[in-house]
């Protein structure tokens, strides 16, 4: 029996999230398509069997979210993500992987907004798609721990960021929402929003994906 995932209505005539599913295994594609068919507010508009086809489908279908397998022949998920986000900045990519491997940072730098394990429960996959469709990011908790424990890459200048702004930037990079950051740092949501605006202005970066890439490149995502 299919599970039904209800979603509160966000207003009259609210548009469904358009989802493109990419995986080179037919069983996985069919399983994901069937699962999301039972999800309120998400419409599967296409499927692709490899990265090259994913780029082509993204051009034609203009999905809101792409659920992207990472290990595929020819053009893999990281390269496909890089091409799609470069051409369609509004498209949000959630990487789907079979293992918590070293490619997390590569995928985030390529523009991915989410990273989920294939073993994840259905409701986690749905949550990841919904969160990135709304402009957020999603990292499976186990993957977030892997990312946080990774040794930092060579750091560059902090661009006049304050210690508090670095803390906020690090939590943004780990996928936390403004409300979660506020709770973690004992701040108001308004104060977090103000810090984020200052960070974006100082770094001249406007999207969450750009902030994540900056945090990775400058070693702000690290243990502790």
N, C-alpha and C. Protein backbone atom coordinates (compact mmCIF):
# COMPACT_ATOMS: atom_id res chain seq x y z
N UNK A 1 0.84 -1.20 0.00
CA UNK A 1 0.00 0.00 0.00
C UNK A 1 0.88 1.25 0.00
N UNK A 2 0.54 2.23 -0.83
CA UNK A 2 1.30 3.46 -0.88
C UNK A 2 1.00 4.33 0.33
N UNK A 3 2.05 4.93 0.88
CA UNK A 3 1.86 5.91 1.95
C UNK A 3 1.45 7.23 1.33
N UNK A 4 0.56 7.95 1.98
CA UNK A 4 0.16 9.27 1.53
C UNK A 4 0.80 10.30 2.44
N UNK A 5 1.50 11.26 1.87
CA UNK A 5 2.18 12.29 2.63
C UNK A 5 1.39 13.58 2.48
N UNK A 6 0.64 13.95 3.51
CA UNK A 6 -0.16 15.16 3.45
C UNK A 6 0.73 16.37 3.66
N UNK A 7 0.28 17.47 3.09
CA UNK A 7 1.01 18.73 3.24
C UNK A 7 0.01 19.85 3.43
N UNK A 8 0.21 20.71 4.43
CA UNK A 8 -0.72 21.81 4.62
C UNK A 8 -0.78 22.68 3.37
N UNK A 9 -1.96 23.11 3.02
CA UNK A 9 -2.12 23.97 1.85
C UNK A 9 -1.51 25.32 2.12
N UNK A 10 -0.72 25.83 1.18
CA UNK A 10 -0.06 27.11 1.38
C UNK A 10 -0.83 28.25 0.73
N UNK A 11 -2.00 27.97 0.24
CA UNK A 11 -2.80 29.03 -0.36
C UNK A 11 -3.55 28.52 -1.57
N UNK A 12 -4.58 29.26 -1.95
CA UNK A 12 -5.40 28.86 -3.08
C UNK A 12 -4.56 28.83 -4.35
N UNK A 13 -4.65 27.73 -5.05
CA UNK A 13 -3.94 27.64 -6.31
C UNK A 13 -2.45 27.43 -6.17
N UNK A 14 -1.99 26.96 -5.00
CA UNK A 14 -0.56 26.74 -4.79
C UNK A 14 -0.06 25.73 -5.81
N UNK A 15 1.09 26.03 -6.43
CA UNK A 15 1.63 25.18 -7.48
C UNK A 15 2.43 24.03 -6.88
N UNK A 16 2.29 22.84 -7.48
CA UNK A 16 3.05 21.69 -7.02
C UNK A 16 4.53 21.85 -7.36
N UNK A 17 5.38 21.25 -6.55
CA UNK A 17 6.81 21.21 -6.84
C UNK A 17 7.07 20.23 -7.97
N UNK A 18 7.74 20.69 -9.01
CA UNK A 18 8.02 19.87 -10.19
C UNK A 18 9.34 19.11 -9.95
N UNK A 19 9.28 17.79 -9.97
CA UNK A 19 10.41 16.95 -9.62
C UNK A 19 10.90 16.13 -10.80
N UNK A 20 12.22 16.16 -11.03
CA UNK A 20 12.86 15.30 -12.02
C UNK A 20 13.69 14.25 -11.28
N UNK A 21 13.48 12.98 -11.59
CA UNK A 21 14.18 11.88 -10.92
C UNK A 21 15.25 11.34 -11.86
N UNK A 22 16.48 11.22 -11.35
CA UNK A 22 17.60 10.76 -12.17
C UNK A 22 18.30 9.59 -11.49
N UNK A 23 18.33 8.44 -12.14
CA UNK A 23 19.03 7.27 -11.60
C UNK A 23 19.24 6.28 -12.73
N UNK A 24 20.39 5.61 -12.75
CA UNK A 24 20.66 4.68 -13.85
C UNK A 24 20.12 3.28 -13.58
N UNK A 25 19.45 3.08 -12.47
CA UNK A 25 18.86 1.77 -12.17
C UNK A 25 17.34 1.88 -12.30
N UNK A 26 16.77 1.06 -13.17
CA UNK A 26 15.35 1.16 -13.45
C UNK A 26 14.50 0.89 -12.21
N UNK A 27 14.94 -0.05 -11.35
CA UNK A 27 14.16 -0.37 -10.16
C UNK A 27 14.09 0.83 -9.23
N UNK A 28 15.20 1.54 -9.10
CA UNK A 28 15.23 2.73 -8.24
C UNK A 28 14.33 3.82 -8.82
N UNK A 29 14.46 4.07 -10.13
CA UNK A 29 13.63 5.10 -10.77
C UNK A 29 12.15 4.81 -10.58
N UNK A 30 11.76 3.56 -10.84
CA UNK A 30 10.35 3.21 -10.74
C UNK A 30 9.86 3.30 -9.29
N UNK A 31 10.71 2.87 -8.36
CA UNK A 31 10.32 2.94 -6.95
C UNK A 31 10.13 4.38 -6.48
N UNK A 32 11.04 5.26 -6.87
CA UNK A 32 10.93 6.67 -6.48
C UNK A 32 9.72 7.32 -7.14
N UNK A 33 9.50 7.01 -8.41
CA UNK A 33 8.36 7.58 -9.12
C UNK A 33 7.05 7.17 -8.47
N UNK A 34 6.96 5.90 -8.11
CA UNK A 34 5.76 5.40 -7.46
C UNK A 34 5.56 6.04 -6.09
N UNK A 35 6.65 6.19 -5.34
CA UNK A 35 6.55 6.77 -4.01
C UNK A 35 6.07 8.22 -4.08
N UNK A 36 6.70 9.02 -4.96
CA UNK A 36 6.33 10.44 -5.03
C UNK A 36 4.96 10.65 -5.67
N UNK A 37 4.44 9.64 -6.39
CA UNK A 37 3.08 9.75 -6.93
C UNK A 37 2.06 9.85 -5.81
N UNK A 38 2.43 9.36 -4.62
CA UNK A 38 1.51 9.39 -3.48
C UNK A 38 1.73 10.61 -2.59
N UNK A 39 2.60 11.52 -2.99
CA UNK A 39 2.95 12.67 -2.17
C UNK A 39 2.18 13.90 -2.62
N UNK A 40 1.47 14.50 -1.69
CA UNK A 40 0.72 15.71 -1.99
C UNK A 40 1.68 16.88 -2.22
N UNK A 41 1.45 17.64 -3.28
CA UNK A 41 2.22 18.86 -3.52
C UNK A 41 3.50 18.65 -4.30
N UNK A 42 3.79 17.42 -4.72
CA UNK A 42 4.99 17.14 -5.54
C UNK A 42 4.56 16.36 -6.78
N UNK A 43 4.97 16.84 -7.93
CA UNK A 43 4.62 16.20 -9.20
C UNK A 43 5.89 15.75 -9.92
N UNK A 44 5.98 14.47 -10.21
CA UNK A 44 7.10 13.94 -10.99
C UNK A 44 6.85 14.29 -12.46
N UNK A 45 7.69 15.19 -12.99
CA UNK A 45 7.49 15.64 -14.37
C UNK A 45 8.38 14.91 -15.37
N UNK A 46 9.34 14.12 -14.86
CA UNK A 46 10.20 13.38 -15.78
C UNK A 46 11.18 12.50 -15.05
N UNK A 47 11.78 11.56 -15.79
CA UNK A 47 12.83 10.71 -15.26
C UNK A 47 13.97 10.69 -16.27
N UNK A 48 15.18 10.50 -15.77
CA UNK A 48 16.36 10.42 -16.63
C UNK A 48 17.22 9.25 -16.18
N UNK A 49 17.92 8.64 -17.13
CA UNK A 49 18.69 7.43 -16.83
C UNK A 49 20.18 7.70 -16.60
N UNK A 50 20.63 8.92 -16.90
CA UNK A 50 22.03 9.25 -16.67
C UNK A 50 22.18 10.77 -16.60
N UNK A 51 23.40 11.22 -16.30
CA UNK A 51 23.63 12.64 -16.12
C UNK A 51 23.41 13.46 -17.36
N UNK A 52 23.81 12.94 -18.50
CA UNK A 52 23.64 13.68 -19.75
C UNK A 52 22.16 13.90 -20.05
N UNK A 53 21.37 12.84 -19.85
CA UNK A 53 19.94 12.96 -20.08
C UNK A 53 19.30 13.89 -19.05
N UNK A 54 19.85 13.89 -17.83
CA UNK A 54 19.32 14.78 -16.79
C UNK A 54 19.46 16.24 -17.19
N UNK A 55 20.61 16.59 -17.75
CA UNK A 55 20.84 17.98 -18.20
C UNK A 55 19.85 18.34 -19.29
N UNK A 56 19.65 17.43 -20.24
CA UNK A 56 18.71 17.67 -21.33
C UNK A 56 17.28 17.81 -20.81
N UNK A 57 16.90 16.93 -19.90
CA UNK A 57 15.55 16.97 -19.33
C UNK A 57 15.33 18.25 -18.53
N UNK A 58 16.36 18.69 -17.81
CA UNK A 58 16.25 19.93 -17.04
C UNK A 58 16.02 21.12 -17.97
N UNK A 59 16.68 21.11 -19.13
CA UNK A 59 16.50 22.17 -20.12
C UNK A 59 15.06 22.19 -20.63
N UNK A 60 14.50 21.02 -20.88
CA UNK A 60 13.17 20.92 -21.47
C UNK A 60 12.06 21.11 -20.45
N UNK A 61 12.23 20.52 -19.26
CA UNK A 61 11.13 20.45 -18.30
C UNK A 61 11.16 21.55 -17.23
N UNK A 62 12.31 22.15 -17.02
CA UNK A 62 12.50 23.20 -16.00
C UNK A 62 11.93 22.76 -14.63
N UNK A 63 12.44 21.67 -14.08
CA UNK A 63 11.94 21.21 -12.78
C UNK A 63 12.36 22.17 -11.66
N UNK A 64 11.60 22.14 -10.57
CA UNK A 64 11.98 22.90 -9.38
C UNK A 64 13.08 22.17 -8.61
N UNK A 65 12.98 20.84 -8.56
CA UNK A 65 13.93 20.01 -7.83
C UNK A 65 14.35 18.83 -8.70
N UNK A 66 15.64 18.50 -8.66
CA UNK A 66 16.17 17.31 -9.34
C UNK A 66 16.70 16.36 -8.26
N UNK A 67 16.15 15.15 -8.22
CA UNK A 67 16.65 14.12 -7.31
C UNK A 67 17.66 13.30 -8.10
N UNK A 68 18.95 13.49 -7.76
CA UNK A 68 20.06 13.07 -8.63
C UNK A 68 20.91 11.96 -8.02
N UNK A 69 20.98 10.83 -8.71
CA UNK A 69 21.93 9.78 -8.34
C UNK A 69 23.34 10.32 -8.57
N UNK A 70 24.30 9.92 -7.75
CA UNK A 70 25.65 10.48 -7.88
C UNK A 70 26.56 9.60 -8.74
N UNK A 71 26.42 8.29 -8.64
CA UNK A 71 27.31 7.39 -9.38
C UNK A 71 26.62 6.90 -10.64
N UNK A 72 26.98 7.51 -11.78
CA UNK A 72 26.42 7.11 -13.06
C UNK A 72 27.53 7.13 -14.12
N UNK A 73 27.42 6.30 -15.14
CA UNK A 73 28.46 6.28 -16.19
C UNK A 73 28.43 7.56 -17.02
N UNK A 74 29.55 7.81 -17.70
CA UNK A 74 29.69 8.96 -18.58
C UNK A 74 29.63 10.26 -17.77
N UNK A 75 28.49 10.91 -17.69
CA UNK A 75 28.34 12.13 -16.90
C UNK A 75 27.74 11.75 -15.55
N UNK A 76 28.53 11.89 -14.48
CA UNK A 76 28.03 11.49 -13.16
C UNK A 76 27.16 12.58 -12.55
N UNK A 77 26.63 12.31 -11.34
CA UNK A 77 25.71 13.23 -10.70
C UNK A 77 26.32 14.58 -10.35
N UNK A 78 27.60 14.58 -9.97
CA UNK A 78 28.26 15.84 -9.62
C UNK A 78 28.38 16.75 -10.84
N UNK A 79 28.85 16.20 -11.95
CA UNK A 79 28.99 17.00 -13.16
C UNK A 79 27.63 17.45 -13.70
N UNK A 80 26.64 16.56 -13.64
CA UNK A 80 25.30 16.94 -14.09
C UNK A 80 24.74 18.06 -13.23
N UNK A 81 24.99 17.98 -11.93
CA UNK A 81 24.55 19.04 -11.01
C UNK A 81 25.21 20.37 -11.38
N UNK A 82 26.51 20.32 -11.65
CA UNK A 82 27.24 21.54 -12.01
C UNK A 82 26.64 22.17 -13.27
N UNK A 83 26.33 21.36 -14.26
CA UNK A 83 25.80 21.88 -15.52
C UNK A 83 24.39 22.43 -15.34
N UNK A 84 23.57 21.72 -14.57
CA UNK A 84 22.18 22.15 -14.38
C UNK A 84 22.11 23.45 -13.59
N UNK A 85 22.86 23.54 -12.48
CA UNK A 85 22.79 24.75 -11.65
C UNK A 85 23.43 25.95 -12.35
N UNK A 86 24.37 25.70 -13.26
CA UNK A 86 24.98 26.80 -14.01
C UNK A 86 23.99 27.37 -15.03
N UNK A 87 23.20 26.49 -15.64
CA UNK A 87 22.25 26.92 -16.66
C UNK A 87 20.92 27.36 -16.09
N UNK A 88 20.50 26.69 -15.02
CA UNK A 88 19.20 26.99 -14.39
C UNK A 88 19.41 27.20 -12.88
N UNK A 89 19.83 28.39 -12.48
CA UNK A 89 20.13 28.65 -11.07
C UNK A 89 18.96 28.40 -10.12
N UNK A 90 17.74 28.50 -10.63
CA UNK A 90 16.57 28.29 -9.78
C UNK A 90 16.33 26.81 -9.48
N UNK A 91 16.90 25.92 -10.27
CA UNK A 91 16.73 24.48 -10.05
C UNK A 91 17.50 24.06 -8.80
N UNK A 92 16.88 23.24 -7.98
CA UNK A 92 17.49 22.77 -6.74
C UNK A 92 17.78 21.28 -6.88
N UNK A 93 18.99 20.87 -6.57
CA UNK A 93 19.40 19.48 -6.75
C UNK A 93 19.59 18.80 -5.40
N UNK A 94 18.98 17.64 -5.26
CA UNK A 94 19.20 16.78 -4.09
C UNK A 94 19.96 15.55 -4.57
N UNK A 95 21.15 15.37 -4.06
CA UNK A 95 21.97 14.21 -4.43
C UNK A 95 21.48 12.98 -3.65
N UNK A 96 21.36 11.88 -4.37
CA UNK A 96 20.96 10.61 -3.77
C UNK A 96 22.12 9.64 -3.91
N UNK A 97 22.66 9.18 -2.80
CA UNK A 97 23.86 8.35 -2.84
C UNK A 97 23.69 7.08 -2.02
N UNK A 98 24.44 6.07 -2.42
CA UNK A 98 24.36 4.80 -1.70
C UNK A 98 25.32 4.70 -0.53
N UNK A 99 26.20 5.68 -0.38
CA UNK A 99 27.17 5.62 0.72
C UNK A 99 27.56 7.02 1.15
N UNK A 100 28.01 7.15 2.40
CA UNK A 100 28.43 8.45 2.93
C UNK A 100 29.91 8.65 2.57
N UNK A 101 30.15 8.92 1.28
CA UNK A 101 31.52 8.92 0.79
C UNK A 101 32.11 10.33 0.74
N UNK A 102 33.28 10.41 0.10
CA UNK A 102 34.06 11.63 0.07
C UNK A 102 33.53 12.66 -0.91
N UNK A 103 32.48 12.35 -1.64
CA UNK A 103 32.02 13.24 -2.70
C UNK A 103 31.03 14.29 -2.20
N UNK A 104 30.77 14.32 -0.91
CA UNK A 104 29.83 15.31 -0.38
C UNK A 104 30.26 16.72 -0.74
N UNK A 105 31.52 17.05 -0.47
CA UNK A 105 32.00 18.40 -0.73
C UNK A 105 31.97 18.71 -2.21
N UNK A 106 32.32 17.75 -3.07
CA UNK A 106 32.28 17.97 -4.51
C UNK A 106 30.86 18.33 -4.96
N UNK A 107 29.89 17.60 -4.43
CA UNK A 107 28.50 17.83 -4.83
C UNK A 107 28.01 19.19 -4.36
N UNK A 108 28.35 19.57 -3.14
CA UNK A 108 27.92 20.87 -2.63
C UNK A 108 28.56 22.01 -3.40
N UNK A 109 29.84 21.84 -3.74
CA UNK A 109 30.50 22.87 -4.55
C UNK A 109 29.88 22.97 -5.94
N UNK A 110 29.38 21.85 -6.44
CA UNK A 110 28.75 21.86 -7.76
C UNK A 110 27.39 22.53 -7.74
N UNK A 111 26.86 22.79 -6.54
CA UNK A 111 25.59 23.50 -6.43
C UNK A 111 24.46 22.71 -5.81
N UNK A 112 24.72 21.48 -5.35
CA UNK A 112 23.67 20.68 -4.72
C UNK A 112 23.16 21.36 -3.46
N UNK A 113 21.85 21.27 -3.25
CA UNK A 113 21.24 21.85 -2.06
C UNK A 113 20.87 20.79 -1.03
N UNK A 114 21.00 19.52 -1.40
CA UNK A 114 20.66 18.44 -0.48
C UNK A 114 21.49 17.20 -0.77
N UNK A 115 21.63 16.35 0.24
CA UNK A 115 22.43 15.13 0.11
C UNK A 115 21.77 14.07 0.99
N UNK A 116 21.24 13.02 0.37
CA UNK A 116 20.45 12.01 1.08
C UNK A 116 20.95 10.62 0.72
N UNK A 117 20.95 9.73 1.70
CA UNK A 117 21.33 8.35 1.46
C UNK A 117 20.17 7.57 0.83
N UNK A 118 20.48 6.63 -0.06
CA UNK A 118 19.44 5.82 -0.69
C UNK A 118 18.68 4.96 0.32
N UNK A 119 19.33 4.68 1.43
CA UNK A 119 18.67 3.87 2.45
C UNK A 119 17.70 4.69 3.30
N UNK A 120 17.59 5.99 3.03
CA UNK A 120 16.73 6.86 3.84
C UNK A 120 15.27 6.42 3.76
N UNK A 121 14.54 6.68 4.82
CA UNK A 121 13.12 6.38 4.83
C UNK A 121 12.40 7.32 3.86
N UNK A 122 11.21 6.88 3.43
CA UNK A 122 10.45 7.68 2.46
C UNK A 122 10.21 9.10 2.95
N UNK A 123 9.86 9.23 4.23
CA UNK A 123 9.52 10.57 4.73
C UNK A 123 10.75 11.48 4.75
N UNK A 124 11.96 10.92 4.89
CA UNK A 124 13.16 11.76 4.82
C UNK A 124 13.38 12.28 3.41
N UNK A 125 13.17 11.43 2.42
CA UNK A 125 13.30 11.86 1.03
C UNK A 125 12.30 12.97 0.71
N UNK A 126 11.08 12.79 1.16
CA UNK A 126 10.05 13.80 0.92
C UNK A 126 10.42 15.10 1.61
N UNK A 127 10.89 15.01 2.85
CA UNK A 127 11.28 16.20 3.60
C UNK A 127 12.43 16.93 2.89
N UNK A 128 13.39 16.17 2.38
CA UNK A 128 14.53 16.78 1.69
C UNK A 128 14.07 17.54 0.45
N UNK A 129 13.20 16.93 -0.35
CA UNK A 129 12.70 17.59 -1.55
C UNK A 129 11.92 18.85 -1.20
N UNK A 130 11.08 18.76 -0.18
CA UNK A 130 10.28 19.92 0.20
C UNK A 130 11.15 21.05 0.75
N UNK A 131 12.15 20.69 1.54
CA UNK A 131 12.99 21.74 2.14
C UNK A 131 13.80 22.48 1.08
N UNK A 132 14.36 21.77 0.13
CA UNK A 132 15.14 22.46 -0.89
C UNK A 132 14.23 23.24 -1.85
N UNK A 133 13.02 22.73 -2.08
CA UNK A 133 12.07 23.44 -2.95
C UNK A 133 11.69 24.78 -2.33
N UNK A 134 11.71 24.84 -1.00
CA UNK A 134 11.36 26.08 -0.30
C UNK A 134 12.57 26.99 -0.09
N UNK A 135 13.71 26.61 -0.68
CA UNK A 135 14.90 27.46 -0.60
C UNK A 135 15.90 27.06 0.46
N UNK A 136 15.64 25.96 1.18
CA UNK A 136 16.55 25.52 2.22
C UNK A 136 17.55 24.50 1.70
N UNK A 137 18.26 23.88 2.61
CA UNK A 137 19.17 22.80 2.27
C UNK A 137 18.85 21.60 3.15
N UNK A 138 19.32 20.44 2.74
CA UNK A 138 19.11 19.24 3.56
C UNK A 138 20.32 18.33 3.47
N UNK A 139 20.84 17.96 4.63
CA UNK A 139 21.91 16.97 4.71
C UNK A 139 21.45 15.87 5.66
N UNK A 140 21.51 14.64 5.19
CA UNK A 140 21.27 13.52 6.08
C UNK A 140 22.18 13.68 7.30
N UNK A 141 21.66 13.48 8.53
CA UNK A 141 22.48 13.71 9.73
C UNK A 141 23.81 12.98 9.71
N UNK A 142 23.84 11.75 9.20
CA UNK A 142 25.10 11.01 9.15
C UNK A 142 26.07 11.67 8.19
N UNK A 143 25.55 12.18 7.06
CA UNK A 143 26.40 12.86 6.11
C UNK A 143 26.89 14.19 6.67
N UNK A 144 26.03 14.86 7.43
CA UNK A 144 26.44 16.10 8.06
C UNK A 144 27.59 15.88 9.02
N UNK A 145 27.57 14.75 9.73
CA UNK A 145 28.67 14.44 10.64
C UNK A 145 29.96 14.17 9.88
N UNK A 146 29.85 13.49 8.73
CA UNK A 146 31.03 13.24 7.89
C UNK A 146 31.62 14.56 7.41
N UNK A 147 30.75 15.46 6.98
CA UNK A 147 31.21 16.75 6.48
C UNK A 147 31.86 17.57 7.59
N UNK A 148 31.24 17.56 8.77
CA UNK A 148 31.78 18.35 9.87
C UNK A 148 33.13 17.83 10.33
N UNK A 149 33.34 16.50 10.22
CA UNK A 149 34.59 15.91 10.69
C UNK A 149 35.70 15.97 9.65
N UNK A 150 35.35 16.35 8.42
CA UNK A 150 36.38 16.39 7.37
C UNK A 150 37.41 17.46 7.67
N UNK A 151 38.70 17.20 7.41
CA UNK A 151 39.71 18.23 7.64
C UNK A 151 39.46 19.44 6.77
N UNK A 152 39.60 20.64 7.30
CA UNK A 152 39.34 21.83 6.51
C UNK A 152 40.32 21.98 5.36
N UNK A 153 39.85 22.55 4.28
CA UNK A 153 40.72 22.83 3.15
C UNK A 153 41.45 24.14 3.41
N UNK A 154 42.49 24.44 2.61
CA UNK A 154 43.25 25.65 2.86
C UNK A 154 42.34 26.87 2.96
N UNK A 155 42.55 27.64 4.02
CA UNK A 155 41.69 28.78 4.28
C UNK A 155 42.19 30.02 3.55
N UNK A 156 41.25 30.82 3.15
CA UNK A 156 41.56 32.11 2.56
C UNK A 156 41.20 33.21 3.54
N UNK A 157 41.27 34.46 3.14
CA UNK A 157 40.94 35.57 4.02
C UNK A 157 39.48 35.51 4.45
N UNK A 158 39.17 35.92 5.69
CA UNK A 158 37.80 35.81 6.19
C UNK A 158 36.88 36.90 5.67
N UNK A 159 37.39 37.83 4.84
CA UNK A 159 36.56 38.88 4.25
C UNK A 159 35.81 39.69 5.31
N UNK A 160 36.51 39.99 6.41
CA UNK A 160 35.96 40.83 7.47
C UNK A 160 34.77 40.22 8.20
N UNK A 161 34.59 38.91 8.10
CA UNK A 161 33.51 38.27 8.85
C UNK A 161 33.84 38.29 10.33
N UNK A 162 32.85 38.55 11.16
CA UNK A 162 33.03 38.48 12.60
C UNK A 162 32.95 37.03 13.05
N UNK A 163 33.35 36.75 14.29
CA UNK A 163 33.27 35.38 14.80
C UNK A 163 31.83 34.88 14.77
N UNK A 164 30.88 35.75 15.13
CA UNK A 164 29.48 35.35 15.12
C UNK A 164 29.01 35.04 13.70
N UNK A 165 29.44 35.84 12.73
CA UNK A 165 29.06 35.60 11.34
C UNK A 165 29.64 34.29 10.82
N UNK A 166 30.86 33.95 11.26
CA UNK A 166 31.45 32.67 10.88
C UNK A 166 30.63 31.53 11.46
N UNK A 167 30.16 31.67 12.71
CA UNK A 167 29.33 30.64 13.33
C UNK A 167 28.04 30.46 12.53
N UNK A 168 27.41 31.57 12.17
CA UNK A 168 26.17 31.50 11.40
C UNK A 168 26.43 30.86 10.03
N UNK A 169 27.51 31.27 9.38
CA UNK A 169 27.85 30.72 8.07
C UNK A 169 28.10 29.22 8.16
N UNK A 170 28.79 28.77 9.19
CA UNK A 170 29.07 27.34 9.35
C UNK A 170 27.77 26.55 9.48
N UNK A 171 26.82 27.07 10.26
CA UNK A 171 25.55 26.37 10.45
C UNK A 171 24.70 26.40 9.18
N UNK A 172 24.78 27.47 8.43
CA UNK A 172 24.10 27.51 7.13
C UNK A 172 24.65 26.40 6.23
N UNK A 173 25.98 26.27 6.22
CA UNK A 173 26.63 25.27 5.37
C UNK A 173 26.25 23.85 5.78
N UNK A 174 25.94 23.66 7.05
CA UNK A 174 25.55 22.33 7.53
C UNK A 174 24.06 22.07 7.37
N UNK A 175 23.36 23.02 6.74
CA UNK A 175 21.96 22.77 6.37
C UNK A 175 20.92 23.24 7.36
N UNK A 176 21.32 24.00 8.38
CA UNK A 176 20.36 24.46 9.38
C UNK A 176 19.51 25.61 8.86
N UNK A 177 18.26 25.66 9.27
CA UNK A 177 17.39 26.78 8.94
C UNK A 177 17.70 27.96 9.85
N UNK A 178 17.15 29.13 9.52
CA UNK A 178 17.37 30.31 10.38
C UNK A 178 16.86 30.07 11.80
N UNK A 179 15.71 29.38 11.91
CA UNK A 179 15.15 29.09 13.24
C UNK A 179 16.07 28.16 14.02
N UNK A 180 16.63 27.16 13.35
CA UNK A 180 17.53 26.22 14.03
C UNK A 180 18.83 26.92 14.46
N UNK A 181 19.32 27.82 13.61
CA UNK A 181 20.54 28.57 13.95
C UNK A 181 20.28 29.45 15.16
N UNK A 182 19.10 30.09 15.17
CA UNK A 182 18.74 30.96 16.29
C UNK A 182 18.72 30.17 17.60
N UNK A 183 18.14 28.97 17.56
CA UNK A 183 18.08 28.14 18.77
C UNK A 183 19.46 27.68 19.20
N UNK A 184 20.31 27.31 18.22
CA UNK A 184 21.66 26.83 18.52
C UNK A 184 22.52 27.91 19.15
N UNK A 185 22.38 29.15 18.67
CA UNK A 185 23.25 30.25 19.13
C UNK A 185 22.57 31.16 20.15
N UNK A 186 21.35 30.80 20.56
CA UNK A 186 20.59 31.60 21.54
C UNK A 186 20.38 33.03 21.04
N UNK A 187 19.95 33.13 19.78
CA UNK A 187 19.67 34.41 19.16
C UNK A 187 18.21 34.42 18.70
N UNK A 188 17.71 35.58 18.34
CA UNK A 188 16.39 35.66 17.72
C UNK A 188 16.54 35.36 16.24
N UNK A 189 15.45 34.90 15.62
CA UNK A 189 15.47 34.63 14.18
C UNK A 189 15.79 35.91 13.42
N UNK A 190 15.27 37.05 13.89
CA UNK A 190 15.54 38.33 13.23
C UNK A 190 17.04 38.64 13.25
N UNK A 191 17.70 38.35 14.37
CA UNK A 191 19.15 38.60 14.47
C UNK A 191 19.92 37.70 13.51
N UNK A 192 19.50 36.43 13.41
CA UNK A 192 20.14 35.51 12.46
C UNK A 192 19.96 36.02 11.04
N UNK A 193 18.76 36.47 10.70
CA UNK A 193 18.51 37.00 9.36
C UNK A 193 19.40 38.22 9.08
N UNK A 194 19.61 39.04 10.11
CA UNK A 194 20.48 40.20 9.96
C UNK A 194 21.93 39.78 9.72
N UNK A 195 22.40 38.78 10.50
CA UNK A 195 23.76 38.27 10.30
C UNK A 195 23.91 37.70 8.89
N UNK A 196 22.91 36.97 8.45
CA UNK A 196 22.99 36.37 7.12
C UNK A 196 23.06 37.45 6.03
N UNK A 197 22.26 38.50 6.20
CA UNK A 197 22.29 39.60 5.22
C UNK A 197 23.67 40.25 5.18
N UNK A 198 24.29 40.43 6.36
CA UNK A 198 25.63 41.01 6.41
C UNK A 198 26.66 40.10 5.74
N UNK A 199 26.52 38.78 5.99
CA UNK A 199 27.43 37.81 5.38
C UNK A 199 27.33 37.87 3.86
N UNK A 200 26.10 37.86 3.36
CA UNK A 200 25.88 37.91 1.92
C UNK A 200 26.46 39.18 1.30
N UNK A 201 26.30 40.29 2.02
CA UNK A 201 26.82 41.56 1.51
C UNK A 201 28.35 41.56 1.49
N UNK A 202 28.98 41.07 2.58
CA UNK A 202 30.43 41.06 2.66
C UNK A 202 31.05 40.12 1.63
N UNK A 203 30.39 38.98 1.39
CA UNK A 203 30.95 37.97 0.49
C UNK A 203 30.47 38.15 -0.95
N UNK A 204 29.49 39.04 -1.14
CA UNK A 204 28.90 39.24 -2.47
C UNK A 204 28.36 37.92 -3.02
N UNK A 205 27.65 37.20 -2.16
CA UNK A 205 27.02 35.93 -2.54
C UNK A 205 25.58 35.97 -2.07
N UNK A 206 24.66 35.65 -2.97
CA UNK A 206 23.25 35.85 -2.67
C UNK A 206 22.48 34.57 -2.38
N UNK A 207 22.98 33.42 -2.79
CA UNK A 207 22.23 32.18 -2.61
C UNK A 207 22.86 31.30 -1.54
N UNK A 208 22.05 30.41 -1.00
CA UNK A 208 22.55 29.49 0.02
C UNK A 208 23.64 28.59 -0.55
N UNK A 209 23.47 28.13 -1.79
CA UNK A 209 24.48 27.27 -2.40
C UNK A 209 25.83 27.98 -2.48
N UNK A 210 25.82 29.26 -2.81
CA UNK A 210 27.07 30.03 -2.89
C UNK A 210 27.71 30.17 -1.52
N UNK A 211 26.89 30.35 -0.48
CA UNK A 211 27.43 30.45 0.88
C UNK A 211 28.04 29.11 1.32
N UNK A 212 27.38 28.01 0.95
CA UNK A 212 27.91 26.69 1.28
C UNK A 212 29.26 26.48 0.62
N UNK A 213 29.37 26.83 -0.65
CA UNK A 213 30.64 26.65 -1.36
C UNK A 213 31.74 27.50 -0.72
N UNK A 214 31.40 28.74 -0.32
CA UNK A 214 32.39 29.61 0.30
C UNK A 214 32.87 29.00 1.63
N UNK A 215 31.93 28.50 2.43
CA UNK A 215 32.28 27.90 3.72
C UNK A 215 33.20 26.70 3.54
N UNK A 216 32.93 25.89 2.53
CA UNK A 216 33.77 24.73 2.26
C UNK A 216 35.17 25.16 1.81
N UNK A 217 35.21 26.11 0.89
CA UNK A 217 36.49 26.54 0.33
C UNK A 217 37.39 27.21 1.36
N UNK A 218 36.79 27.83 2.40
CA UNK A 218 37.58 28.57 3.38
C UNK A 218 37.71 27.85 4.71
N UNK A 219 37.31 26.58 4.75
CA UNK A 219 37.55 25.78 5.94
C UNK A 219 36.68 26.13 7.13
N UNK A 220 35.53 26.80 6.91
CA UNK A 220 34.67 27.15 8.03
C UNK A 220 33.81 25.98 8.49
N UNK A 221 33.72 24.92 7.67
CA UNK A 221 33.00 23.71 8.07
C UNK A 221 34.05 22.72 8.56
N UNK A 222 34.08 22.51 9.86
CA UNK A 222 35.08 21.64 10.46
C UNK A 222 34.56 21.09 11.78
N UNK A 223 35.26 20.13 12.35
CA UNK A 223 34.84 19.52 13.59
C UNK A 223 34.73 20.58 14.69
N UNK A 224 33.65 20.48 15.50
CA UNK A 224 33.49 21.40 16.60
C UNK A 224 32.89 22.72 16.18
